[in-house]
Amino acid sequence: MIKEIRNFDLKMIADSGQCFRMKMTDKDHAVVIAKDRVLEIRTVKPGVFEFDCSETEFNDIWNSYFDLDTDYDAFIAAVPKEDGFLKKAAEYGSGIRILRQDPFETLISFIISQRKSIPAISTSIGKLCRMCGNEIREGFYSFPEPKALSQLSDIDLAQCSLGYRAEYVREAAKSVYRGDTDPDMLQTLSDEDLFEALTSLKGVGKKVANCVMLFGFHRIGAFPVDVWMQKVIDEHYDGHFPVERYEGYAGVMQQYLFYCIRNE
């Protein structure tokens, strides 16, 4: 099916650091593994995209997943003209949208992400999925369920190149499987309480918690700061980005800044 969509660019989203199972197979074609499905998307021309799914599936799953009902033009327009760098970044990354990803997958993915490059993160996640996910199409695997992930041995986890993160991954999976950490319950919490609940998990610090909030729970006011963002803040904002100016949607600005500084 063909859809005309504003503020939607496959490569920008794939390279934005928010997901690790969306891949560009060429400059106009992306493959996304999410929601126990494999979706192929092709750019027909700027602003027009072909999705290899039914209209029902698009409306039921992918419209929400890609946050297509949100007006990202309004976010871009909210950037004050005096902030030249953010203005440039928002225009440069205007095709980014904040995906509505599975909270458990996002939690595990960003625990793995610590001190790893994006290709290395994707490789580790791919190994985990092949090890204990379900094959949903030939060569494509779903993200593991908490039970399956929690039962992996040290040897299994080592084969996924997790290093010191292996213990954190298994403990987080156990916590979710036991019901101590319930993603549905966490979704009902305030941002402050959600942050506290996430940072109570072993191996989840401030940056990982904010990433999980932004990319897994769609709390778009969250503002993760990693080495790239710290570089932006130090070089362009004298050590302090005015997060309060963008209350409720600072995470969208974070994505524009993050994408710009990594690709300029």
C-alpha atoms as a PDB file:
ATOM      1  CA  MET A   1       0.000   0.000   0.000  1.00  0.00           C
ATOM      2  CA  ILE A   2       1.119   3.565  -0.737  1.00  0.00           C
ATOM      3  CA  LYS A   3       1.105   6.331   1.874  1.00  0.00           C
ATOM      4  CA  GLU A   4       1.982  10.021   1.667  1.00  0.00           C
ATOM      5  CA  ILE A   5       3.638  11.044   4.950  1.00  0.00           C
ATOM      6  CA  ARG A   6       5.243  14.289   6.081  1.00  0.00           C
ATOM      7  CA  ASN A   7       8.337  14.366   8.320  1.00  0.00           C
ATOM      8  CA  PHE A   8       9.179  10.729   7.642  1.00  0.00           C
ATOM      9  CA  ASP A   9      12.554   9.608   6.334  1.00  0.00           C
ATOM     10  CA  LEU A  10      13.609   5.966   6.468  1.00  0.00           C
ATOM     11  CA  LYS A  11      17.348   6.563   6.719  1.00  0.00           C
ATOM     12  CA  MET A  12      17.006   9.267   9.342  1.00  0.00           C
ATOM     13  CA  ILE A  13      14.906   7.016  11.564  1.00  0.00           C
ATOM     14  CA  ALA A  14      17.161   3.989  10.994  1.00  0.00           C
ATOM     15  CA  ASP A  15      20.249   6.058  11.881  1.00  0.00           C
ATOM     16  CA  SER A  16      18.744   7.974  14.799  1.00  0.00           C
ATOM     17  CA  GLY A  17      19.979   5.584  17.497  1.00  0.00           C
ATOM     18  CA  GLN A  18      16.524   4.818  18.874  1.00  0.00           C
ATOM     19  CA  CYS A  19      16.058   1.333  17.374  1.00  0.00           C
ATOM     20  CA  PHE A  20      18.424  -1.462  16.409  1.00  0.00           C
ATOM     21  CA  ARG A  21      16.304  -3.657  14.163  1.00  0.00           C
ATOM     22  CA  MET A  22      15.473  -1.234  11.394  1.00  0.00           C
ATOM     23  CA  LYS A  23      17.967  -1.590   8.564  1.00  0.00           C
ATOM     24  CA  MET A  24      18.446   0.151   5.247  1.00  0.00           C
ATOM     25  CA  THR A  25      19.013  -2.455   2.524  1.00  0.00           C
ATOM     26  CA  ASP A  26      19.630   0.291  -0.017  1.00  0.00           C
ATOM     27  CA  LYS A  27      19.087   4.047  -0.099  1.00  0.00           C
ATOM     28  CA  ASP A  28      15.326   3.754  -0.633  1.00  0.00           C
ATOM     29  CA  HIS A  29      14.432   0.503   1.133  1.00  0.00           C
ATOM     30  CA  ALA A  30      14.202  -0.416   4.818  1.00  0.00           C
ATOM     31  CA  VAL A  31      13.348  -3.586   6.705  1.00  0.00           C
ATOM     32  CA  VAL A  32      11.859  -3.306  10.195  1.00  0.00           C
ATOM     33  CA  ILE A  33      11.472  -6.188  12.648  1.00  0.00           C
ATOM     34  CA  ALA A  34       8.968  -5.244  15.347  1.00  0.00           C
ATOM     35  CA  LYS A  35       5.691  -6.394  16.866  1.00  0.00           C
ATOM     36  CA  ASP A  36       6.561 -10.005  15.873  1.00  0.00           C
ATOM     37  CA  ARG A  37       6.410  -8.947  12.227  1.00  0.00           C
ATOM     38  CA  VAL A  38       8.764  -8.091   9.401  1.00  0.00           C
ATOM     39  CA  LEU A  39       7.880  -4.942   7.480  1.00  0.00           C
ATOM     40  CA  GLU A  40       9.506  -3.714   4.298  1.00  0.00           C
ATOM     41  CA  ILE A  41       9.163  -0.048   3.357  1.00  0.00           C
ATOM     42  CA  ARG A  42      10.250   1.608   0.125  1.00  0.00           C
ATOM     43  CA  THR A  43      10.546   5.304  -0.629  1.00  0.00           C
ATOM     44  CA  VAL A  44       8.633   5.818  -3.872  1.00  0.00           C
ATOM     45  CA  LYS A  45       9.518   9.512  -4.035  1.00  0.00           C
ATOM     46  CA  PRO A  46      10.100  12.151  -1.341  1.00  0.00           C
ATOM     47  CA  GLY A  47       7.179  11.993   1.061  1.00  0.00           C
ATOM     48  CA  VAL A  48       5.592   8.925  -0.541  1.00  0.00           C
ATOM     49  CA  PHE A  49       6.188   5.400   0.770  1.00  0.00           C
ATOM     50  CA  GLU A  50       5.174   1.857  -0.081  1.00  0.00           C
ATOM     51  CA  PHE A  51       4.490  -0.486   2.863  1.00  0.00           C
ATOM     52  CA  ASP A  52       4.333  -4.230   2.212  1.00  0.00           C
ATOM     53  CA  CYS A  53       1.346  -4.813   4.453  1.00  0.00           C
ATOM     54  CA  SER A  54      -2.421  -4.609   4.292  1.00  0.00           C
ATOM     55  CA  GLU A  55      -4.218  -1.386   5.091  1.00  0.00           C
ATOM     56  CA  THR A  56      -5.695  -3.066   8.175  1.00  0.00           C
ATOM     57  CA  GLU A  57      -2.238  -4.010   9.476  1.00  0.00           C
ATOM     58  CA  PHE A  58      -0.930  -0.534   8.717  1.00  0.00           C
ATOM     59  CA  ASN A  59      -3.776   1.098  10.614  1.00  0.00           C
ATOM     60  CA  ASP A  60      -3.682  -1.364  13.521  1.00  0.00           C
ATOM     61  CA  ILE A  61       0.088  -1.536  14.022  1.00  0.00           C
ATOM     62  CA  TRP A  62       2.389   0.618  11.939  1.00  0.00           C
ATOM     63  CA  ASN A  63       0.556   3.928  12.055  1.00  0.00           C
ATOM     64  CA  SER A  64       1.017   3.961  15.826  1.00  0.00           C
ATOM     65  CA  TYR A  65       4.499   2.384  15.766  1.00  0.00           C
ATOM     66  CA  PHE A  66       5.818   5.207  13.576  1.00  0.00           C
ATOM     67  CA  ASP A  67       3.841   7.837  15.537  1.00  0.00           C
ATOM     68  CA  LEU A  68       2.220   9.057  12.346  1.00  0.00           C
ATOM     69  CA  ASP A  69      -0.694  10.848  14.018  1.00  0.00           C
ATOM     70  CA  THR A  70       1.656  13.317  15.723  1.00  0.00           C
ATOM     71  CA  ASP A  71       2.336  16.691  14.087  1.00  0.00           C
ATOM     72  CA  TYR A  72       6.120  16.953  13.959  1.00  0.00           C
ATOM     73  CA  ASP A  73       5.891  20.216  12.012  1.00  0.00           C
ATOM     74  CA  ALA A  74       4.636  21.736  15.270  1.00  0.00           C
ATOM     75  CA  PHE A  75       7.760  20.574  17.115  1.00  0.00           C
ATOM     76  CA  ILE A  76      10.014  22.027  14.447  1.00  0.00           C
ATOM     77  CA  ALA A  77       8.084  25.305  14.449  1.00  0.00           C
ATOM     78  CA  ALA A  78       8.511  25.552  18.235  1.00  0.00           C
ATOM     79  CA  VAL A  79      12.284  26.004  17.939  1.00  0.00           C
ATOM     80  CA  PRO A  80      13.072  29.704  18.550  1.00  0.00           C
ATOM     81  CA  LYS A  81      14.828  31.436  15.682  1.00  0.00           C
ATOM     82  CA  GLU A  82      17.596  32.612  18.018  1.00  0.00           C
ATOM     83  CA  ASP A  83      18.701  29.007  18.577  1.00  0.00           C
ATOM     84  CA  GLY A  84      20.499  28.637  15.273  1.00  0.00           C
ATOM     85  CA  PHE A  85      22.035  25.239  15.968  1.00  0.00           C
ATOM     86  CA  LEU A  86      18.777  23.578  17.023  1.00  0.00           C
ATOM     87  CA  LYS A  87      16.979  25.256  14.127  1.00  0.00           C
ATOM     88  CA  LYS A  88      19.527  23.734  11.765  1.00  0.00           C
ATOM     89  CA  ALA A  89      19.342  20.345  13.507  1.00  0.00           C
ATOM     90  CA  ALA A  90      15.526  20.224  13.362  1.00  0.00           C
ATOM     91  CA  GLU A  91      15.551  20.990   9.664  1.00  0.00           C
ATOM     92  CA  TYR A  92      18.378  18.526   9.029  1.00  0.00           C
ATOM     93  CA  GLY A  93      16.635  15.722  10.959  1.00  0.00           C
ATOM     94  CA  SER A  94      13.066  16.647  10.078  1.00  0.00           C
ATOM     95  CA  GLY A  95      12.289  13.101   8.919  1.00  0.00           C
ATOM     96  CA  ILE A  96      12.774  11.592  12.390  1.00  0.00           C
ATOM     97  CA  ARG A  97       9.808  10.374  14.421  1.00  0.00           C
ATOM     98  CA  ILE A  98       9.922   8.828  17.898  1.00  0.00           C
ATOM     99  CA  LEU A  99       8.959   5.185  17.456  1.00  0.00           C
ATOM    100  CA  ARG A 100       6.528   3.475  19.823  1.00  0.00           C
ATOM    101  CA  GLN A 101       8.632   0.409  20.561  1.00  0.00           C
ATOM    102  CA  ASP A 102       8.018  -2.516  22.884  1.00  0.00           C
ATOM    103  CA  PRO A 103       9.108  -1.494  26.408  1.00  0.00           C
ATOM    104  CA  PHE A 104      10.767  -4.822  27.267  1.00  0.00           C
ATOM    105  CA  GLU A 105      12.719  -4.985  24.018  1.00  0.00           C
ATOM    106  CA  THR A 106      13.778  -1.369  24.481  1.00  0.00           C
ATOM    107  CA  LEU A 107      14.887  -1.993  28.067  1.00  0.00           C
ATOM    108  CA  ILE A 108      17.091  -4.932  27.092  1.00  0.00           C
ATOM    109  CA  SER A 109      18.395  -3.167  23.984  1.00  0.00           C
ATOM    110  CA  PHE A 110      19.555  -0.090  25.870  1.00  0.00           C
ATOM    111  CA  ILE A 111      21.100  -2.138  28.672  1.00  0.00           C
ATOM    112  CA  ILE A 112      23.133  -3.784  25.912  1.00  0.00           C
ATOM    113  CA  SER A 113      23.891  -0.396  24.331  1.00  0.00           C
ATOM    114  CA  GLN A 114      26.206   0.779  27.112  1.00  0.00           C
ATOM    115  CA  ARG A 115      29.664   1.525  25.741  1.00  0.00           C
ATOM    116  CA  LYS A 116      28.885  -0.155  22.429  1.00  0.00           C
ATOM    117  CA  SER A 117      28.652   1.217  18.905  1.00  0.00           C
ATOM    118  CA  ILE A 118      25.327   0.998  17.099  1.00  0.00           C
ATOM    119  CA  PRO A 119      26.560  -1.794  14.745  1.00  0.00           C
ATOM    120  CA  ALA A 120      27.833  -3.789  17.762  1.00  0.00           C
ATOM    121  CA  ILE A 121      24.520  -3.312  19.589  1.00  0.00           C
ATOM    122  CA  SER A 122      22.603  -4.529  16.546  1.00  0.00           C
ATOM    123  CA  THR A 123      24.881  -7.555  16.242  1.00  0.00           C
ATOM    124  CA  SER A 124      24.360  -8.567  19.879  1.00  0.00           C
ATOM    125  CA  ILE A 125      20.596  -8.135  19.648  1.00  0.00           C
ATOM    126  CA  GLY A 126      20.515 -10.155  16.434  1.00  0.00           C
ATOM    127  CA  LYS A 127      22.387 -12.996  18.131  1.00  0.00           C
ATOM    128  CA  LEU A 128      19.972 -12.969  21.075  1.00  0.00           C
ATOM    129  CA  CYS A 129      16.983 -13.084  18.741  1.00  0.00           C
ATOM    130  CA  ARG A 130      18.373 -16.003  16.755  1.00  0.00           C
ATOM    131  CA  MET A 131      19.245 -17.836  19.955  1.00  0.00           C
ATOM    132  CA  CYS A 132      15.856 -17.736  21.674  1.00  0.00           C
ATOM    133  CA  GLY A 133      13.400 -15.725  19.605  1.00  0.00           C
ATOM    134  CA  ASN A 134      10.842 -17.236  17.244  1.00  0.00           C
ATOM    135  CA  GLU A 135      11.461 -17.372  13.495  1.00  0.00           C
ATOM    136  CA  ILE A 136       8.721 -15.159  12.072  1.00  0.00           C
ATOM    137  CA  ARG A 137       9.962 -15.308   8.497  1.00  0.00           C
ATOM    138  CA  GLU A 138      12.899 -17.158   7.027  1.00  0.00           C
ATOM    139  CA  GLY A 139      15.975 -15.574   8.549  1.00  0.00           C
ATOM    140  CA  PHE A 140      14.032 -13.114  10.701  1.00  0.00           C
ATOM    141  CA  TYR A 141      13.418 -13.624  14.420  1.00  0.00           C
ATOM    142  CA  SER A 142      11.185 -12.026  17.026  1.00  0.00           C
ATOM    143  CA  PHE A 143      12.670 -10.473  20.131  1.00  0.00           C
ATOM    144  CA  PRO A 144      12.937 -13.082  22.934  1.00  0.00           C
ATOM    145  CA  GLU A 145      10.232 -13.328  25.573  1.00  0.00           C
ATOM    146  CA  PRO A 146      11.339 -12.506  29.151  1.00  0.00           C
ATOM    147  CA  LYS A 147      11.162 -16.187  30.184  1.00  0.00           C
ATOM    148  CA  ALA A 148      13.384 -17.383  27.352  1.00  0.00           C
ATOM    149  CA  LEU A 149      15.908 -14.607  27.908  1.00  0.00           C
ATOM    150  CA  SER A 150      16.016 -15.128  31.671  1.00  0.00           C
ATOM    151  CA  GLN A 151      16.896 -18.811  31.222  1.00  0.00           C
ATOM    152  CA  LEU A 152      19.963 -18.303  29.029  1.00  0.00           C
ATOM    153  CA  SER A 153      23.192 -19.590  30.524  1.00  0.00           C
ATOM    154  CA  ASP A 154      26.406 -17.632  30.950  1.00  0.00           C
ATOM    155  CA  ILE A 155      27.783 -19.443  27.905  1.00  0.00           C
ATOM    156  CA  ASP A 156      24.720 -18.529  25.836  1.00  0.00           C
ATOM    157  CA  LEU A 157      24.951 -14.880  26.820  1.00  0.00           C
ATOM    158  CA  ALA A 158      28.705 -14.810  26.161  1.00  0.00           C
ATOM    159  CA  GLN A 159      28.022 -16.017  22.617  1.00  0.00           C
ATOM    160  CA  CYS A 160      25.935 -12.873  22.118  1.00  0.00           C
ATOM    161  CA  SER A 161      28.924 -10.625  22.831  1.00  0.00           C
ATOM    162  CA  LEU A 162      27.333  -8.962  25.855  1.00  0.00           C
ATOM    163  CA  GLY A 163      30.412  -8.770  28.072  1.00  0.00           C
ATOM    164  CA  TYR A 164      29.703  -7.331  31.526  1.00  0.00           C
ATOM    165  CA  ARG A 165      26.148  -6.480  30.388  1.00  0.00           C
ATOM    166  CA  ALA A 166      25.156 -10.173  30.389  1.00  0.00           C
ATOM    167  CA  GLU A 167      24.314 -10.156  34.097  1.00  0.00           C
ATOM    168  CA  TYR A 168      22.230  -6.985  33.719  1.00  0.00           C
ATOM    169  CA  VAL A 169      20.305  -8.438  30.768  1.00  0.00           C
ATOM    170  CA  ARG A 170      19.479 -11.673  32.587  1.00  0.00           C
ATOM    171  CA  GLU A 171      18.464  -9.900  35.814  1.00  0.00           C
ATOM    172  CA  ALA A 172      16.196  -7.474  33.940  1.00  0.00           C
ATOM    173  CA  ALA A 173      14.585 -10.370  32.056  1.00  0.00           C
ATOM    174  CA  LYS A 174      14.072 -12.269  35.317  1.00  0.00           C
ATOM    175  CA  SER A 175      12.501  -9.222  36.938  1.00  0.00           C
ATOM    176  CA  VAL A 176      10.001  -8.872  34.103  1.00  0.00           C
ATOM    177  CA  TYR A 177       9.305 -12.618  33.926  1.00  0.00           C
ATOM    178  CA  ARG A 178       8.676 -12.832  37.687  1.00  0.00           C
ATOM    179  CA  GLY A 179       6.377  -9.841  37.496  1.00  0.00           C
ATOM    180  CA  ASP A 180       8.514  -7.675  39.764  1.00  0.00           C
ATOM    181  CA  THR A 181       8.842  -5.295  36.828  1.00  0.00           C
ATOM    182  CA  ASP A 182       5.586  -5.060  34.885  1.00  0.00           C
ATOM    183  CA  PRO A 183       5.792  -2.924  31.708  1.00  0.00           C
ATOM    184  CA  ASP A 184       2.019  -2.430  31.687  1.00  0.00           C
ATOM    185  CA  MET A 185       2.095  -1.137  35.246  1.00  0.00           C
ATOM    186  CA  LEU A 186       5.127   1.040  34.532  1.00  0.00           C
ATOM    187  CA  GLN A 187       3.223   2.645  31.673  1.00  0.00           C
ATOM    188  CA  THR A 188       0.735   4.048  34.200  1.00  0.00           C
ATOM    189  CA  LEU A 189       3.407   5.813  36.285  1.00  0.00           C
ATOM    190  CA  SER A 190       4.371   9.454  36.173  1.00  0.00           C
ATOM    191  CA  ASP A 191       7.646  10.292  34.456  1.00  0.00           C
ATOM    192  CA  GLU A 192       9.352  10.730  37.809  1.00  0.00           C
ATOM    193  CA  ASP A 193       8.124   7.409  39.180  1.00  0.00           C
ATOM    194  CA  LEU A 194       8.922   5.608  35.936  1.00  0.00           C
ATOM    195  CA  PHE A 195      12.474   6.942  36.037  1.00  0.00           C
ATOM    196  CA  GLU A 196      12.850   5.774  39.643  1.00  0.00           C
ATOM    197  CA  ALA A 197      11.490   2.314  38.809  1.00  0.00           C
ATOM    198  CA  LEU A 198      13.828   1.884  35.849  1.00  0.00           C
ATOM    199  CA  THR A 199      16.936   3.053  37.688  1.00  0.00           C
ATOM    200  CA  SER A 200      16.178   0.558  40.462  1.00  0.00           C
ATOM    201  CA  LEU A 201      17.094  -2.212  37.999  1.00  0.00           C
ATOM    202  CA  LYS A 202      20.673  -3.401  38.065  1.00  0.00           C
ATOM    203  CA  GLY A 203      22.682  -1.917  35.226  1.00  0.00           C
ATOM    204  CA  VAL A 204      20.170   0.833  34.411  1.00  0.00           C
ATOM    205  CA  GLY A 205      21.597   4.278  35.004  1.00  0.00           C
ATOM    206  CA  LYS A 206      20.284   7.727  34.201  1.00  0.00           C
ATOM    207  CA  LYS A 207      21.080   7.664  30.477  1.00  0.00           C
ATOM    208  CA  VAL A 208      19.668   4.186  29.861  1.00  0.00           C
ATOM    209  CA  ALA A 209      16.539   4.975  31.883  1.00  0.00           C
ATOM    210  CA  ASN A 210      15.889   8.115  29.849  1.00  0.00           C
ATOM    211  CA  CYS A 211      16.402   6.194  26.598  1.00  0.00           C
ATOM    212  CA  VAL A 212      13.924   3.527  27.704  1.00  0.00           C
ATOM    213  CA  MET A 213      11.437   6.199  28.756  1.00  0.00           C
ATOM    214  CA  LEU A 214      11.742   8.015  25.428  1.00  0.00           C
ATOM    215  CA  PHE A 215      11.932   5.100  23.016  1.00  0.00           C
ATOM    216  CA  GLY A 216      10.063   2.357  24.896  1.00  0.00           C
ATOM    217  CA  PHE A 217       7.399   4.239  26.864  1.00  0.00           C
ATOM    218  CA  HIS A 218       7.080   7.190  24.468  1.00  0.00           C
ATOM    219  CA  ARG A 219       7.698   9.738  27.214  1.00  0.00           C
ATOM    220  CA  ILE A 220       8.830  12.373  24.765  1.00  0.00           C
ATOM    221  CA  GLY A 221       9.768  14.772  27.527  1.00  0.00           C
ATOM    222  CA  ALA A 222      12.741  12.532  28.448  1.00  0.00           C
ATOM    223  CA  PHE A 223      16.134  13.883  27.406  1.00  0.00           C
ATOM    224  CA  PRO A 224      18.928  11.253  27.316  1.00  0.00           C
ATOM    225  CA  VAL A 225      22.480  12.571  27.446  1.00  0.00           C
ATOM    226  CA  ASP A 226      25.302  10.409  26.087  1.00  0.00           C
ATOM    227  CA  VAL A 227      28.751  11.424  24.857  1.00  0.00           C
ATOM    228  CA  TRP A 228      27.327  12.848  21.619  1.00  0.00           C
ATOM    229  CA  MET A 229      24.719  14.913  23.414  1.00  0.00           C
ATOM    230  CA  GLN A 230      27.274  16.121  25.941  1.00  0.00           C
ATOM    231  CA  LYS A 231      29.386  17.280  22.997  1.00  0.00           C
ATOM    232  CA  VAL A 232      26.413  19.270  21.684  1.00  0.00           C
ATOM    233  CA  ILE A 233      25.675  20.755  25.098  1.00  0.00           C
ATOM    234  CA  ASP A 234      29.288  21.733  25.725  1.00  0.00           C
ATOM    235  CA  GLU A 235      30.001  23.135  22.270  1.00  0.00           C
ATOM    236  CA  HIS A 236      26.722  24.905  21.520  1.00  0.00           C
ATOM    237  CA  TYR A 237      24.975  25.566  24.853  1.00  0.00           C
ATOM    238  CA  ASP A 238      27.791  26.461  27.263  1.00  0.00           C
ATOM    239  CA  GLY A 239      27.224  23.274  29.258  1.00  0.00           C
ATOM    240  CA  HIS A 240      23.455  23.609  29.737  1.00  0.00           C
ATOM    241  CA  PHE A 241      20.696  22.819  27.249  1.00  0.00           C
ATOM    242  CA  PRO A 242      17.389  24.583  28.123  1.00  0.00           C
ATOM    243  CA  VAL A 243      15.328  21.396  28.513  1.00  0.00           C
ATOM    244  CA  GLU A 244      12.655  23.319  30.402  1.00  0.00           C
ATOM    245  CA  ARG A 245      11.904  25.390  27.289  1.00  0.00           C
ATOM    246  CA  TYR A 246      10.683  22.216  25.584  1.00  0.00           C
ATOM    247  CA  GLU A 247       8.765  20.719  28.470  1.00  0.00           C
ATOM    248  CA  GLY A 248       6.782  17.697  27.332  1.00  0.00           C
ATOM    249  CA  TYR A 249       8.675  17.181  24.072  1.00  0.00           C
ATOM    250  CA  ALA A 250      12.381  17.735  24.833  1.00  0.00           C
ATOM    251  CA  GLY A 251      13.099  14.198  23.620  1.00  0.00           C
ATOM    252  CA  VAL A 252      12.137  15.187  20.086  1.00  0.00           C
ATOM    253  CA  MET A 253      14.710  17.979  20.239  1.00  0.00           C
ATOM    254  CA  GLN A 254      17.220  15.486  21.609  1.00  0.00           C
ATOM    255  CA  GLN A 255      16.756  13.337  18.519  1.00  0.00           C
ATOM    256  CA  TYR A 256      17.278  16.265  16.163  1.00  0.00           C
ATOM    257  CA  LEU A 257      20.448  17.285  18.004  1.00  0.00           C
ATOM    258  CA  PHE A 258      21.756  13.725  18.290  1.00  0.00           C
ATOM    259  CA  TYR A 259      21.228  12.964  14.606  1.00  0.00           C
ATOM    260  CA  CYS A 260      22.775  16.254  13.514  1.00  0.00           C
ATOM    261  CA  ILE A 261      25.933  16.006  15.619  1.00  0.00           C
ATOM    262  CA  ARG A 262      26.580  12.428  14.497  1.00  0.00           C
ATOM    263  CA  ASN A 263      26.054  13.122  10.808  1.00  0.00           C
ATOM    264  CA  GLU A 264      27.106  16.712  10.170  1.00  0.00           C
END
